[in-house]
Amino acid sequence: MSVLVFMVPLAIALGLIGLAGFLWALHNGQFDDPDGSASRILLDDDGPLP
């Protein structure tokens, strides 16, 4: 039972850290262009190999 005193606050703290990281990424525009990366792999911008 004494383990719960340690584990429950730890789980809540890790959840809040994860939520803060997600909100930070959302605020900084990390999820603005999800289709751009998917189609960027199909573009051939490299020059000819030597």
PDB file of N, CA and C in Angstrom:
ATOM      1  N   MET A   1       0.812  -1.201   0.000  1.00  0.00           N
ATOM      2  CA  MET A   1       0.000   0.000   0.000  1.00  0.00           C
ATOM      3  C   MET A   1       0.857   1.267   0.000  1.00  0.00           C
ATOM      4  N   SER A   2       2.024   1.187   0.618  1.00  0.00           N
ATOM      5  CA  SER A   2       2.885   2.370   0.662  1.00  0.00           C
ATOM      6  C   SER A   2       3.499   2.662  -0.710  1.00  0.00           C
ATOM      7  N   VAL A   3       3.515   1.675  -1.590  1.00  0.00           N
ATOM      8  CA  VAL A   3       4.041   1.888  -2.934  1.00  0.00           C
ATOM      9  C   VAL A   3       3.125   2.811  -3.719  1.00  0.00           C
ATOM     10  N   LEU A   4       1.825   2.746  -3.447  1.00  0.00           N
ATOM     11  CA  LEU A   4       0.875   3.604  -4.155  1.00  0.00           C
ATOM     12  C   LEU A   4       1.098   5.075  -3.847  1.00  0.00           C
ATOM     13  N   VAL A   5       1.594   5.380  -2.674  1.00  0.00           N
ATOM     14  CA  VAL A   5       1.882   6.765  -2.304  1.00  0.00           C
ATOM     15  C   VAL A   5       2.973   7.333  -3.212  1.00  0.00           C
ATOM     16  N   PHE A   6       3.849   6.485  -3.673  1.00  0.00           N
ATOM     17  CA  PHE A   6       4.924   6.908  -4.568  1.00  0.00           C
ATOM     18  C   PHE A   6       4.527   6.814  -6.041  1.00  0.00           C
ATOM     19  N   MET A   7       3.827   5.746  -6.405  1.00  0.00           N
ATOM     20  CA  MET A   7       3.547   5.480  -7.811  1.00  0.00           C
ATOM     21  C   MET A   7       2.437   6.360  -8.401  1.00  0.00           C
ATOM     22  N   VAL A   8       1.403   6.664  -7.650  1.00  0.00           N
ATOM     23  CA  VAL A   8       0.298   7.474  -8.173  1.00  0.00           C
ATOM     24  C   VAL A   8       0.757   8.891  -8.504  1.00  0.00           C
ATOM     25  N   PRO A   9       1.455   9.598  -7.613  1.00  0.00           N
ATOM     26  CA  PRO A   9       1.953  10.928  -8.003  1.00  0.00           C
ATOM     27  C   PRO A   9       2.955  10.872  -9.161  1.00  0.00           C
ATOM     28  N   LEU A  10       3.753   9.806  -9.209  1.00  0.00           N
ATOM     29  CA  LEU A  10       4.699   9.660 -10.309  1.00  0.00           C
ATOM     30  C   LEU A  10       3.969   9.489 -11.638  1.00  0.00           C
ATOM     31  N   ALA A  11       2.911   8.696 -11.654  1.00  0.00           N
ATOM     32  CA  ALA A  11       2.135   8.492 -12.873  1.00  0.00           C
ATOM     33  C   ALA A  11       1.443   9.786 -13.297  1.00  0.00           C
ATOM     34  N   ILE A  12       0.930  10.522 -12.346  1.00  0.00           N
ATOM     35  CA  ILE A  12       0.281  11.800 -12.674  1.00  0.00           C
ATOM     36  C   ILE A  12       1.315  12.792 -13.203  1.00  0.00           C
ATOM     37  N   ALA A  13       2.486  12.826 -12.605  1.00  0.00           N
ATOM     38  CA  ALA A  13       3.535  13.744 -13.064  1.00  0.00           C
ATOM     39  C   ALA A  13       3.987  13.385 -14.479  1.00  0.00           C
ATOM     40  N   LEU A  14       4.166  12.102 -14.779  1.00  0.00           N
ATOM     41  CA  LEU A  14       4.567  11.702 -16.129  1.00  0.00           C
ATOM     42  C   LEU A  14       3.480  12.028 -17.144  1.00  0.00           C
ATOM     43  N   GLY A  15       2.236  11.869 -16.763  1.00  0.00           N
ATOM     44  CA  GLY A  15       1.141  12.242 -17.649  1.00  0.00           C
ATOM     45  C   GLY A  15       1.119  13.732 -17.934  1.00  0.00           C
ATOM     46  N   LEU A  16       1.366  14.532 -16.920  1.00  0.00           N
ATOM     47  CA  LEU A  16       1.400  15.983 -17.119  1.00  0.00           C
ATOM     48  C   LEU A  16       2.593  16.410 -17.972  1.00  0.00           C
ATOM     49  N   ILE A  17       3.717  15.735 -17.818  1.00  0.00           N
ATOM     50  CA  ILE A  17       4.882  16.036 -18.651  1.00  0.00           C
ATOM     51  C   ILE A  17       4.588  15.695 -20.111  1.00  0.00           C
ATOM     52  N   GLY A  18       3.940  14.562 -20.344  1.00  0.00           N
ATOM     53  CA  GLY A  18       3.562  14.191 -21.708  1.00  0.00           C
ATOM     54  C   GLY A  18       2.568  15.163 -22.309  1.00  0.00           C
ATOM     55  N   LEU A  19       1.590  15.589 -21.515  1.00  0.00           N
ATOM     56  CA  LEU A  19       0.616  16.564 -21.994  1.00  0.00           C
ATOM     57  C   LEU A  19       1.279  17.900 -22.299  1.00  0.00           C
ATOM     58  N   ALA A  20       2.211  18.323 -21.457  1.00  0.00           N
ATOM     59  CA  ALA A  20       2.931  19.574 -21.698  1.00  0.00           C
ATOM     60  C   ALA A  20       3.766  19.487 -22.973  1.00  0.00           C
ATOM     61  N   GLY A  21       4.395  18.338 -23.205  1.00  0.00           N
ATOM     62  CA  GLY A  21       5.172  18.175 -24.441  1.00  0.00           C
ATOM     63  C   GLY A  21       4.285  18.203 -25.675  1.00  0.00           C
ATOM     64  N   PHE A  22       3.124  17.577 -25.600  1.00  0.00           N
ATOM     65  CA  PHE A  22       2.200  17.606 -26.728  1.00  0.00           C
ATOM     66  C   PHE A  22       1.692  19.015 -26.991  1.00  0.00           C
ATOM     67  N   LEU A  23       1.324  19.741 -25.939  1.00  0.00           N
ATOM     68  CA  LEU A  23       0.831  21.112 -26.125  1.00  0.00           C
ATOM     69  C   LEU A  23       1.931  22.025 -26.647  1.00  0.00           C
ATOM     70  N   TRP A  24       3.170  21.799 -26.221  1.00  0.00           N
ATOM     71  CA  TRP A  24       4.287  22.592 -26.744  1.00  0.00           C
ATOM     72  C   TRP A  24       4.469  22.346 -28.243  1.00  0.00           C
ATOM     73  N   ALA A  25       4.419  21.076 -28.650  1.00  0.00           N
ATOM     74  CA  ALA A  25       4.572  20.745 -30.067  1.00  0.00           C
ATOM     75  C   ALA A  25       3.415  21.294 -30.883  1.00  0.00           C
ATOM     76  N   LEU A  26       2.224  21.256 -30.339  1.00  0.00           N
ATOM     77  CA  LEU A  26       1.058  21.797 -31.026  1.00  0.00           C
ATOM     78  C   LEU A  26       1.178  23.303 -31.186  1.00  0.00           C
ATOM     79  N   HIS A  27       1.659  23.967 -30.160  1.00  0.00           N
ATOM     80  CA  HIS A  27       1.805  25.423 -30.198  1.00  0.00           C
ATOM     81  C   HIS A  27       2.901  25.862 -31.172  1.00  0.00           C
ATOM     82  N   ASN A  28       3.950  25.051 -31.331  1.00  0.00           N
ATOM     83  CA  ASN A  28       5.062  25.411 -32.199  1.00  0.00           C
ATOM     84  C   ASN A  28       4.887  24.948 -33.639  1.00  0.00           C
ATOM     85  N   GLY A  29       3.713  24.429 -33.988  1.00  0.00           N
ATOM     86  CA  GLY A  29       3.423  24.108 -35.382  1.00  0.00           C
ATOM     87  C   GLY A  29       3.984  22.794 -35.869  1.00  0.00           C
ATOM     88  N   GLN A  30       4.215  21.839 -35.003  1.00  0.00           N
ATOM     89  CA  GLN A  30       4.775  20.563 -35.417  1.00  0.00           C
ATOM     90  C   GLN A  30       3.788  19.724 -36.223  1.00  0.00           C
ATOM     91  N   PHE A  31       2.499  20.006 -36.101  1.00  0.00           N
ATOM     92  CA  PHE A  31       1.480  19.192 -36.753  1.00  0.00           C
ATOM     93  C   PHE A  31       0.747  19.969 -37.846  1.00  0.00           C
ATOM     94  N   ASP A  32       1.339  21.018 -38.388  1.00  0.00           N
ATOM     95  CA  ASP A  32       0.655  21.862 -39.363  1.00  0.00           C
ATOM     96  C   ASP A  32       0.553  21.223 -40.745  1.00  0.00           C
ATOM     97  N   ASP A  33       1.535  20.460 -41.176  1.00  0.00           N
ATOM     98  CA  ASP A  33       1.566  19.929 -42.541  1.00  0.00           C
ATOM     99  C   ASP A  33       1.815  18.423 -42.530  1.00  0.00           C
ATOM    100  N   PRO A  34       0.826  17.618 -42.153  1.00  0.00           N
ATOM    101  CA  PRO A  34       1.067  16.179 -42.105  1.00  0.00           C
ATOM    102  C   PRO A  34       1.175  15.537 -43.486  1.00  0.00           C
ATOM    103  N   ASP A  35       0.585  16.122 -44.529  1.00  0.00           N
ATOM    104  CA  ASP A  35       0.647  15.540 -45.862  1.00  0.00           C
ATOM    105  C   ASP A  35       1.923  15.928 -46.605  1.00  0.00           C
ATOM    106  N   GLY A  36       2.570  16.979 -46.206  1.00  0.00           N
ATOM    107  CA  GLY A  36       3.782  17.421 -46.884  1.00  0.00           C
ATOM    108  C   GLY A  36       4.918  16.428 -46.763  1.00  0.00           C
ATOM    109  N   SER A  37       5.108  15.882 -45.585  1.00  0.00           N
ATOM    110  CA  SER A  37       6.189  14.908 -45.392  1.00  0.00           C
ATOM    111  C   SER A  37       5.905  13.616 -46.134  1.00  0.00           C
ATOM    112  N   ALA A  38       4.639  13.254 -46.232  1.00  0.00           N
ATOM    113  CA  ALA A  38       4.289  12.012 -46.917  1.00  0.00           C
ATOM    114  C   ALA A  38       4.550  12.115 -48.417  1.00  0.00           C
ATOM    115  N   SER A  39       4.324  13.267 -49.005  1.00  0.00           N
ATOM    116  CA  SER A  39       4.542  13.401 -50.440  1.00  0.00           C
ATOM    117  C   SER A  39       5.966  13.838 -50.776  1.00  0.00           C
ATOM    118  N   ARG A  40       6.698  14.341 -49.801  1.00  0.00           N
ATOM    119  CA  ARG A  40       8.060  14.805 -50.045  1.00  0.00           C
ATOM    120  C   ARG A  40       8.987  13.659 -50.425  1.00  0.00           C
ATOM    121  N   ILE A  41       8.697  12.458 -49.958  1.00  0.00           N
ATOM    122  CA  ILE A  41       9.556  11.319 -50.281  1.00  0.00           C
ATOM    123  C   ILE A  41       9.437  10.938 -51.755  1.00  0.00           C
ATOM    124  N   LEU A  42       8.349  11.317 -52.403  1.00  0.00           N
ATOM    125  CA  LEU A  42       8.133  10.975 -53.802  1.00  0.00           C
ATOM    126  C   LEU A  42       8.820  11.938 -54.767  1.00  0.00           C
ATOM    127  N   LEU A  43       9.231  13.095 -54.278  1.00  0.00           N
ATOM    128  CA  LEU A  43       9.873  14.086 -55.137  1.00  0.00           C
ATOM    129  C   LEU A  43      11.323  13.701 -55.389  1.00  0.00           C
ATOM    130  N   ASP A  44      11.788  13.941 -56.604  1.00  0.00           N
ATOM    131  CA  ASP A  44      13.162  13.611 -56.973  1.00  0.00           C
ATOM    132  C   ASP A  44      13.930  14.910 -57.166  1.00  0.00           C
ATOM    133  N   ASP A  45      14.446  15.454 -56.067  1.00  0.00           N
ATOM    134  CA  ASP A  45      15.166  16.721 -56.129  1.00  0.00           C
ATOM    135  C   ASP A  45      16.672  16.521 -56.231  1.00  0.00           C
ATOM    136  N   ASP A  46      17.147  15.297 -56.107  1.00  0.00           N
ATOM    137  CA  ASP A  46      18.582  15.056 -56.161  1.00  0.00           C
ATOM    138  C   ASP A  46      19.070  15.083 -57.598  1.00  0.00           C
ATOM    139  N   GLY A  47      20.279  15.547 -57.761  1.00  0.00           N
ATOM    140  CA  GLY A  47      20.905  15.539 -59.074  1.00  0.00           C
ATOM    141  C   GLY A  47      21.414  14.152 -59.427  1.00  0.00           C
ATOM    142  N   PRO A  48      21.961  13.993 -60.590  1.00  0.00           N
ATOM    143  CA  PRO A  48      22.499  12.677 -60.974  1.00  0.00           C
ATOM    144  C   PRO A  48      23.705  12.317 -60.100  1.00  0.00           C
ATOM    145  N   LEU A  49      23.841  11.060 -59.827  1.00  0.00           N
ATOM    146  CA  LEU A  49      24.984  10.593 -59.049  1.00  0.00           C
ATOM    147  C   LEU A  49      26.230  10.594 -59.897  1.00  0.00           C
ATOM    148  N   PRO A  50      27.401  10.882 -59.318  1.00  0.00           N
ATOM    149  CA  PRO A  50      28.642  10.923 -60.116  1.00  0.00           C
ATOM    150  C   PRO A  50      29.076   9.543 -60.563  1.00  0.00           C
TER     151      PRO A  50
END
